[in-house]
Amino acid sequence: MNKESITLYSTWGCHLCDSAEALLRQNGQAYQVIDIVDDAAALAKYRLLIPVIAVADKELNWPFDAEQLATWLKEVE
């Protein structure tokens, strides 16, 4: 999976988002971060849902742990 294929929808100051990002790093995944404050469509869609990890049209919503993330990433490859 390349960096562009995994997206973390997040925002500054969100401790849950920090946890999700740490799980991605622990899993060794490259990813891009979209701050929902900077994207009106993302803000409208994810305002109350962040953090959300997306690959194509599939999404993993918080809460999730390292094992759930690893399993989900294998399923969406």
PDB file of N, CA and C in Angstrom:
ATOM      1  N   MET A   1       0.846  -1.170   0.000  1.00  0.00           N
ATOM      2  CA  MET A   1       0.000   0.000   0.000  1.00  0.00           C
ATOM      3  C   MET A   1       0.891   1.232   0.000  1.00  0.00           C
ATOM      4  N   ASN A   2       0.571   2.209  -0.839  1.00  0.00           N
ATOM      5  CA  ASN A   2       1.412   3.400  -0.862  1.00  0.00           C
ATOM      6  C   ASN A   2       0.827   4.492   0.029  1.00  0.00           C
ATOM      7  N   LYS A   3       1.611   5.529   0.229  1.00  0.00           N
ATOM      8  CA  LYS A   3       1.230   6.593   1.157  1.00  0.00           C
ATOM      9  C   LYS A   3      -0.095   7.236   0.779  1.00  0.00           C
ATOM     10  N   GLU A   4      -0.349   7.395  -0.484  1.00  0.00           N
ATOM     11  CA  GLU A   4      -1.568   8.051  -0.918  1.00  0.00           C
ATOM     12  C   GLU A   4      -2.805   7.195  -0.701  1.00  0.00           C
ATOM     13  N   SER A   5      -2.635   5.910  -0.493  1.00  0.00           N
ATOM     14  CA  SER A   5      -3.809   5.056  -0.390  1.00  0.00           C
ATOM     15  C   SER A   5      -4.423   5.039   1.005  1.00  0.00           C
ATOM     16  N   ILE A   6      -3.687   5.434   2.039  1.00  0.00           N
ATOM     17  CA  ILE A   6      -4.221   5.484   3.395  1.00  0.00           C
ATOM     18  C   ILE A   6      -4.349   6.937   3.817  1.00  0.00           C
ATOM     19  N   THR A   7      -5.548   7.296   4.252  1.00  0.00           N
ATOM     20  CA  THR A   7      -5.800   8.660   4.694  1.00  0.00           C
ATOM     21  C   THR A   7      -6.309   8.633   6.129  1.00  0.00           C
ATOM     22  N   LEU A   8      -5.731   9.491   6.947  1.00  0.00           N
ATOM     23  CA  LEU A   8      -6.212   9.691   8.314  1.00  0.00           C
ATOM     24  C   LEU A   8      -6.904  11.036   8.359  1.00  0.00           C
ATOM     25  N   TYR A   9      -8.202  11.015   8.633  1.00  0.00           N
ATOM     26  CA  TYR A   9      -8.946  12.254   8.826  1.00  0.00           C
ATOM     27  C   TYR A   9      -8.824  12.609  10.299  1.00  0.00           C
ATOM     28  N   SER A  10      -8.350  13.817  10.548  1.00  0.00           N
ATOM     29  CA  SER A  10      -7.929  14.204  11.879  1.00  0.00           C
ATOM     30  C   SER A  10      -8.092  15.707  12.038  1.00  0.00           C
ATOM     31  N   THR A  11      -7.727  16.216  13.192  1.00  0.00           N
ATOM     32  CA  THR A  11      -7.590  17.648  13.375  1.00  0.00           C
ATOM     33  C   THR A  11      -6.636  17.907  14.528  1.00  0.00           C
ATOM     34  N   TRP A  12      -6.100  19.109  14.544  1.00  0.00           N
ATOM     35  CA  TRP A  12      -5.142  19.500  15.562  1.00  0.00           C
ATOM     36  C   TRP A  12      -5.814  19.486  16.926  1.00  0.00           C
ATOM     37  N   GLY A  13      -5.102  18.987  17.933  1.00  0.00           N
ATOM     38  CA  GLY A  13      -5.600  18.988  19.298  1.00  0.00           C
ATOM     39  C   GLY A  13      -6.528  17.840  19.637  1.00  0.00           C
ATOM     40  N   CYS A  14      -6.686  16.899  18.745  1.00  0.00           N
ATOM     41  CA  CYS A  14      -7.566  15.745  18.968  1.00  0.00           C
ATOM     42  C   CYS A  14      -6.721  14.593  19.509  1.00  0.00           C
ATOM     43  N   HIS A  15      -6.857  14.299  20.795  1.00  0.00           N
ATOM     44  CA  HIS A  15      -6.021  13.246  21.381  1.00  0.00           C
ATOM     45  C   HIS A  15      -6.345  11.867  20.822  1.00  0.00           C
ATOM     46  N   LEU A  16      -7.576  11.635  20.433  1.00  0.00           N
ATOM     47  CA  LEU A  16      -7.918  10.357  19.803  1.00  0.00           C
ATOM     48  C   LEU A  16      -7.246  10.228  18.444  1.00  0.00           C
ATOM     49  N   CYS A  17      -7.174  11.347  17.731  1.00  0.00           N
ATOM     50  CA  CYS A  17      -6.494  11.358  16.428  1.00  0.00           C
ATOM     51  C   CYS A  17      -5.004  11.070  16.604  1.00  0.00           C
ATOM     52  N   ASP A  18      -4.414  11.629  17.651  1.00  0.00           N
ATOM     53  CA  ASP A  18      -3.008  11.346  17.947  1.00  0.00           C
ATOM     54  C   ASP A  18      -2.808   9.860  18.206  1.00  0.00           C
ATOM     55  N   SER A  19      -3.744   9.250  18.915  1.00  0.00           N
ATOM     56  CA  SER A  19      -3.656   7.809  19.188  1.00  0.00           C
ATOM     57  C   SER A  19      -3.773   6.998  17.902  1.00  0.00           C
ATOM     58  N   ALA A  20      -4.693   7.380  17.035  1.00  0.00           N
ATOM     59  CA  ALA A  20      -4.859   6.672  15.761  1.00  0.00           C
ATOM     60  C   ALA A  20      -3.606   6.797  14.908  1.00  0.00           C
ATOM     61  N   GLU A  21      -3.025   7.989  14.889  1.00  0.00           N
ATOM     62  CA  GLU A  21      -1.794   8.194  14.113  1.00  0.00           C
ATOM     63  C   GLU A  21      -0.652   7.353  14.672  1.00  0.00           C
ATOM     64  N   ALA A  22      -0.567   7.258  15.980  1.00  0.00           N
ATOM     65  CA  ALA A  22       0.469   6.427  16.603  1.00  0.00           C
ATOM     66  C   ALA A  22       0.283   4.962  16.205  1.00  0.00           C
ATOM     67  N   LEU A  23      -0.952   4.501  16.144  1.00  0.00           N
ATOM     68  CA  LEU A  23      -1.209   3.118  15.734  1.00  0.00           C
ATOM     69  C   LEU A  23      -0.786   2.876  14.297  1.00  0.00           C
ATOM     70  N   LEU A  24      -1.028   3.847  13.422  1.00  0.00           N
ATOM     71  CA  LEU A  24      -0.567   3.714  12.036  1.00  0.00           C
ATOM     72  C   LEU A  24       0.951   3.633  11.975  1.00  0.00           C
ATOM     73  N   ARG A  25       1.620   4.492  12.730  1.00  0.00           N
ATOM     74  CA  ARG A  25       3.093   4.466  12.747  1.00  0.00           C
ATOM     75  C   ARG A  25       3.604   3.138  13.295  1.00  0.00           C
ATOM     76  N   GLN A  26       3.001   2.643  14.374  1.00  0.00           N
ATOM     77  CA  GLN A  26       3.416   1.367  14.972  1.00  0.00           C
ATOM     78  C   GLN A  26       3.236   0.220  13.980  1.00  0.00           C
ATOM     79  N   ASN A  27       2.227   0.343  13.135  1.00  0.00           N
ATOM     80  CA  ASN A  27       1.948  -0.686  12.150  1.00  0.00           C
ATOM     81  C   ASN A  27       2.879  -0.574  10.945  1.00  0.00           C
ATOM     82  N   GLY A  28       3.669   0.498  10.906  1.00  0.00           N
ATOM     83  CA  GLY A  28       4.607   0.685   9.805  1.00  0.00           C
ATOM     84  C   GLY A  28       3.975   1.189   8.528  1.00  0.00           C
ATOM     85  N   GLN A  29       2.808   1.784   8.650  1.00  0.00           N
ATOM     86  CA  GLN A  29       2.091   2.228   7.464  1.00  0.00           C
ATOM     87  C   GLN A  29       2.437   3.668   7.099  1.00  0.00           C
ATOM     88  N   ALA A  30       2.596   3.890   5.815  1.00  0.00           N
ATOM     89  CA  ALA A  30       2.705   5.254   5.298  1.00  0.00           C
ATOM     90  C   ALA A  30       1.277   5.747   5.097  1.00  0.00           C
ATOM     91  N   TYR A  31       1.056   7.017   5.316  1.00  0.00           N
ATOM     92  CA  TYR A  31      -0.298   7.559   5.234  1.00  0.00           C
ATOM     93  C   TYR A  31      -0.229   9.061   5.015  1.00  0.00           C
ATOM     94  N   GLN A  32      -1.355   9.622   4.612  1.00  0.00           N
ATOM     95  CA  GLN A  32      -1.478  11.068   4.523  1.00  0.00           C
ATOM     96  C   GLN A  32      -2.510  11.498   5.565  1.00  0.00           C
ATOM     97  N   VAL A  33      -2.352  12.695   6.081  1.00  0.00           N
ATOM     98  CA  VAL A  33      -3.288  13.234   7.060  1.00  0.00           C
ATOM     99  C   VAL A  33      -4.056  14.378   6.413  1.00  0.00           C
ATOM    100  N   ILE A  34      -5.355  14.333   6.560  1.00  0.00           N
ATOM    101  CA  ILE A  34      -6.197  15.450   6.132  1.00  0.00           C
ATOM    102  C   ILE A  34      -6.812  16.049   7.389  1.00  0.00           C
ATOM    103  N   ASP A  35      -6.481  17.317   7.639  1.00  0.00           N
ATOM    104  CA  ASP A  35      -7.075  18.030   8.760  1.00  0.00           C
ATOM    105  C   ASP A  35      -8.452  18.487   8.298  1.00  0.00           C
ATOM    106  N   ILE A  36      -9.484  18.006   8.956  1.00  0.00           N
ATOM    107  CA  ILE A  36     -10.841  18.289   8.499  1.00  0.00           C
ATOM    108  C   ILE A  36     -11.183  19.775   8.551  1.00  0.00           C
ATOM    109  N   VAL A  37     -10.472  20.541   9.365  1.00  0.00           N
ATOM    110  CA  VAL A  37     -10.716  21.983   9.442  1.00  0.00           C
ATOM    111  C   VAL A  37     -10.340  22.661   8.125  1.00  0.00           C
ATOM    112  N   ASP A  38      -9.395  22.070   7.403  1.00  0.00           N
ATOM    113  CA  ASP A  38      -8.920  22.643   6.148  1.00  0.00           C
ATOM    114  C   ASP A  38      -9.683  22.142   4.927  1.00  0.00           C
ATOM    115  N   ASP A  39     -10.680  21.289   5.121  1.00  0.00           N
ATOM    116  CA  ASP A  39     -11.411  20.681   4.018  1.00  0.00           C
ATOM    117  C   ASP A  39     -12.901  20.687   4.366  1.00  0.00           C
ATOM    118  N   ALA A  40     -13.664  21.555   3.734  1.00  0.00           N
ATOM    119  CA  ALA A  40     -15.080  21.727   4.084  1.00  0.00           C
ATOM    120  C   ALA A  40     -15.883  20.435   3.957  1.00  0.00           C
ATOM    121  N   ALA A  41     -15.624  19.675   2.909  1.00  0.00           N
ATOM    122  CA  ALA A  41     -16.357  18.418   2.723  1.00  0.00           C
ATOM    123  C   ALA A  41     -16.007  17.416   3.816  1.00  0.00           C
ATOM    124  N   ALA A  42     -14.722  17.324   4.150  1.00  0.00           N
ATOM    125  CA  ALA A  42     -14.298  16.416   5.218  1.00  0.00           C
ATOM    126  C   ALA A  42     -14.869  16.858   6.565  1.00  0.00           C
ATOM    127  N   LEU A  43     -14.892  18.151   6.811  1.00  0.00           N
ATOM    128  CA  LEU A  43     -15.454  18.672   8.062  1.00  0.00           C
ATOM    129  C   LEU A  43     -16.928  18.298   8.169  1.00  0.00           C
ATOM    130  N   ALA A  44     -17.665  18.478   7.098  1.00  0.00           N
ATOM    131  CA  ALA A  44     -19.086  18.150   7.114  1.00  0.00           C
ATOM    132  C   ALA A  44     -19.320  16.650   7.348  1.00  0.00           C
ATOM    133  N   LYS A  45     -18.466  15.827   6.761  1.00  0.00           N
ATOM    134  CA  LYS A  45     -18.650  14.376   6.849  1.00  0.00           C
ATOM    135  C   LYS A  45     -18.122  13.784   8.159  1.00  0.00           C
ATOM    136  N   TYR A  46     -16.956  14.273   8.629  1.00  0.00           N
ATOM    137  CA  TYR A  46     -16.266  13.610   9.737  1.00  0.00           C
ATOM    138  C   TYR A  46     -16.255  14.382  11.051  1.00  0.00           C
ATOM    139  N   ARG A  47     -16.910  15.506  11.115  1.00  0.00           N
ATOM    140  CA  ARG A  47     -16.863  16.378  12.288  1.00  0.00           C
ATOM    141  C   ARG A  47     -16.967  15.617  13.613  1.00  0.00           C
ATOM    142  N   LEU A  48     -17.926  14.738  13.739  1.00  0.00           N
ATOM    143  CA  LEU A  48     -18.150  14.017  14.990  1.00  0.00           C
ATOM    144  C   LEU A  48     -17.585  12.598  14.975  1.00  0.00           C
ATOM    145  N   LEU A  49     -16.913  12.226  13.901  1.00  0.00           N
ATOM    146  CA  LEU A  49     -16.447  10.846  13.750  1.00  0.00           C
ATOM    147  C   LEU A  49     -14.943  10.666  13.920  1.00  0.00           C
ATOM    148  N   ILE A  50     -14.161  11.747  13.797  1.00  0.00           N
ATOM    149  CA  ILE A  50     -12.710  11.588  13.793  1.00  0.00           C
ATOM    150  C   ILE A  50     -12.216  10.958  15.095  1.00  0.00           C
ATOM    151  N   PRO A  51     -11.146  10.199  14.977  1.00  0.00           N
ATOM    152  CA  PRO A  51     -10.352   9.902  13.797  1.00  0.00           C
ATOM    153  C   PRO A  51     -10.995   8.819  12.927  1.00  0.00           C
ATOM    154  N   VAL A  52     -10.779   8.961  11.640  1.00  0.00           N
ATOM    155  CA  VAL A  52     -11.246   7.979  10.663  1.00  0.00           C
ATOM    156  C   VAL A  52     -10.077   7.671   9.740  1.00  0.00           C
ATOM    157  N   ILE A  53      -9.856   6.388   9.490  1.00  0.00           N
ATOM    158  CA  ILE A  53      -8.847   5.960   8.528  1.00  0.00           C
ATOM    159  C   ILE A  53      -9.583   5.452   7.306  1.00  0.00           C
ATOM    160  N   ALA A  54      -9.154   5.902   6.142  1.00  0.00           N
ATOM    161  CA  ALA A  54      -9.818   5.516   4.905  1.00  0.00           C
ATOM    162  C   ALA A  54      -8.823   4.955   3.905  1.00  0.00           C
ATOM    163  N   VAL A  55      -9.273   3.965   3.187  1.00  0.00           N
ATOM    164  CA  VAL A  55      -8.557   3.412   2.035  1.00  0.00           C
ATOM    165  C   VAL A  55      -9.611   3.262   0.952  1.00  0.00           C
ATOM    166  N   ALA A  56      -9.433   4.031  -0.120  1.00  0.00           N
ATOM    167  CA  ALA A  56     -10.436   4.075  -1.205  1.00  0.00           C
ATOM    168  C   ALA A  56     -11.782   4.437  -0.591  1.00  0.00           C
ATOM    169  N   ASP A  57     -12.786   3.589  -0.761  1.00  0.00           N
ATOM    170  CA  ASP A  57     -14.117   3.900  -0.236  1.00  0.00           C
ATOM    171  C   ASP A  57     -14.422   3.174   1.075  1.00  0.00           C
ATOM    172  N   LYS A  58     -13.421   2.550   1.659  1.00  0.00           N
ATOM    173  CA  LYS A  58     -13.609   1.828   2.920  1.00  0.00           C
ATOM    174  C   LYS A  58     -13.066   2.667   4.074  1.00  0.00           C
ATOM    175  N   GLU A  59     -13.783   2.647   5.196  1.00  0.00           N
ATOM    176  CA  GLU A  59     -13.393   3.465   6.338  1.00  0.00           C
ATOM    177  C   GLU A  59     -13.378   2.651   7.622  1.00  0.00           C
ATOM    178  N   LEU A  60     -12.433   2.993   8.476  1.00  0.00           N
ATOM    179  CA  LEU A  60     -12.347   2.420   9.819  1.00  0.00           C
ATOM    180  C   LEU A  60     -12.546   3.567  10.795  1.00  0.00           C
ATOM    181  N   ASN A  61     -13.632   3.489  11.551  1.00  0.00           N
ATOM    182  CA  ASN A  61     -13.957   4.537  12.503  1.00  0.00           C
ATOM    183  C   ASN A  61     -13.465   4.178  13.900  1.00  0.00           C
ATOM    184  N   TRP A  62     -13.077   5.191  14.627  1.00  0.00           N
ATOM    185  CA  TRP A  62     -12.676   5.043  16.019  1.00  0.00           C
ATOM    186  C   TRP A  62     -13.878   4.573  16.809  1.00  0.00           C
ATOM    187  N   PRO A  63     -13.718   3.706  17.795  1.00  0.00           N
ATOM    188  CA  PRO A  63     -12.464   3.230  18.381  1.00  0.00           C
ATOM    189  C   PRO A  63     -11.949   1.964  17.692  1.00  0.00           C
ATOM    190  N   PHE A  64     -10.617   1.848  17.643  1.00  0.00           N
ATOM    191  CA  PHE A  64      -9.958   0.641  17.174  1.00  0.00           C
ATOM    192  C   PHE A  64      -8.610   0.553  17.867  1.00  0.00           C
ATOM    193  N   ASP A  65      -8.097  -0.670  17.956  1.00  0.00           N
ATOM    194  CA  ASP A  65      -6.788  -0.884  18.562  1.00  0.00           C
ATOM    195  C   ASP A  65      -5.828  -1.371  17.476  1.00  0.00           C
ATOM    196  N   ALA A  66      -4.602  -1.669  17.866  1.00  0.00           N
ATOM    197  CA  ALA A  66      -3.574  -2.066  16.903  1.00  0.00           C
ATOM    198  C   ALA A  66      -3.966  -3.331  16.147  1.00  0.00           C
ATOM    199  N   GLU A  67      -4.540  -4.285  16.847  1.00  0.00           N
ATOM    200  CA  GLU A  67      -4.937  -5.538  16.199  1.00  0.00           C
ATOM    201  C   GLU A  67      -6.077  -5.317  15.207  1.00  0.00           C
ATOM    202  N   GLN A  68      -7.061  -4.534  15.582  1.00  0.00           N
ATOM    203  CA  GLN A  68      -8.175  -4.243  14.681  1.00  0.00           C
ATOM    204  C   GLN A  68      -7.698  -3.481  13.451  1.00  0.00           C
ATOM    205  N   LEU A  69      -6.788  -2.538  13.651  1.00  0.00           N
ATOM    206  CA  LEU A  69      -6.235  -1.781  12.528  1.00  0.00           C
ATOM    207  C   LEU A  69      -5.486  -2.701  11.571  1.00  0.00           C
ATOM    208  N   ALA A  70      -4.622  -3.564  12.097  1.00  0.00           N
ATOM    209  CA  ALA A  70      -3.843  -4.469  11.252  1.00  0.00           C
ATOM    210  C   ALA A  70      -4.763  -5.407  10.459  1.00  0.00           C
ATOM    211  N   THR A  71      -5.779  -5.929  11.109  1.00  0.00           N
ATOM    212  CA  THR A  71      -6.736  -6.819  10.433  1.00  0.00           C
ATOM    213  C   THR A  71      -7.476  -6.084   9.341  1.00  0.00           C
ATOM    214  N   TRP A  72      -7.941  -4.870   9.646  1.00  0.00           N
ATOM    215  CA  TRP A  72      -8.683  -4.078   8.668  1.00  0.00           C
ATOM    216  C   TRP A  72      -7.809  -3.734   7.463  1.00  0.00           C
ATOM    217  N   LEU A  73      -6.568  -3.347   7.708  1.00  0.00           N
ATOM    218  CA  LEU A  73      -5.669  -3.002   6.598  1.00  0.00           C
ATOM    219  C   LEU A  73      -5.418  -4.210   5.695  1.00  0.00           C
ATOM    220  N   LYS A  74      -5.318  -5.403   6.253  1.00  0.00           N
ATOM    221  CA  LYS A  74      -5.155  -6.607   5.433  1.00  0.00           C
ATOM    222  C   LYS A  74      -6.392  -6.861   4.590  1.00  0.00           C
ATOM    223  N   GLU A  75      -7.545  -6.581   5.161  1.00  0.00           N
ATOM    224  CA  GLU A  75      -8.800  -6.813   4.447  1.00  0.00           C
ATOM    225  C   GLU A  75      -8.986  -5.854   3.275  1.00  0.00           C
ATOM    226  N   VAL A  76      -8.467  -4.637   3.378  1.00  0.00           N
ATOM    227  CA  VAL A  76      -8.678  -3.640   2.330  1.00  0.00           C
ATOM    228  C   VAL A  76      -7.561  -3.587   1.292  1.00  0.00           C
ATOM    229  N   GLU A  77      -6.513  -4.362   1.476  1.00  0.00           N
ATOM    230  CA  GLU A  77      -5.395  -4.368   0.510  1.00  0.00           C
ATOM    231  C   GLU A  77      -5.848  -4.840  -0.844  1.00  0.00           C
TER     232      GLU A  77
END
